[in-house]
Every structure is written in structure tokens, then in C-alpha cells.
Amino acid sequence: MSRDVTDTIYGQVTTNHETITKWVEKHDGSPATAETCDHSVGYLRIKFSDTDGDELSTISWREWLREFEAEELAFVYRDREDRDGASGFYELVDRTTAAEHA
């Protein structure tokens, strides 16, 4: 995945930090994790203020992006609205999996 953004049937895919942070901020989100039993960084998530409760913990972009790179993830997202008018779809996937679908 050498390009900044790759279009797939699932949406657009990127590993570019600036693209990710801009998309999240555009959708009123913030970097977060879902805690694990051992209280480590946990599973990376995006917290949307209007839909997510207390099960997610907000973290800094620095922490989130460090874990994103350590786990070798790719960010799959949609910039257009779907049938329900929602445009906040995203998914974090393994980079190898993302490259196979590109």
C-alpha cells in the first residue's frame, strides 16, 4: 500500500496518519481504546461523542498512532454517506489483509 489512499469495494484504505486524523476529526471523533483485562493499551477504536459510552477510553493521538503502527494496521473508511445518511464507517484491519483487497 504505497499510495496514501486506495479505493476498494469496502471503502478507502490508508495508513497515512494525517489522513486518518483529519477523517476522525471531520466526523467528531477522537482516538480511543477498549480496555483489556490486563489494562494494557487495549483495542484501538474511534470514540464518537454522540454514540459511544463509557466503555471506551480516550487516549492521545501519539499513543493511538504508535499502537496503530506497532500492530501494522490499516484504516478502512467511507467518506460518502450510505443509505441511512451515516458517513462514520471505519474499520481497522491488518495491512496484509488490506493489501489483498486493494
Foldseek 3Di string as FASTA:
>chain_A
DPDQWDQFPQAIKGLDLVVVVVLLVVQQWAWWAQADPVRDRHHTDIDHVVPDDDRIDGDHSVVNSVVCVVQQWMKGAHQAADPVRDRGDIDIDHPVVVVVRD
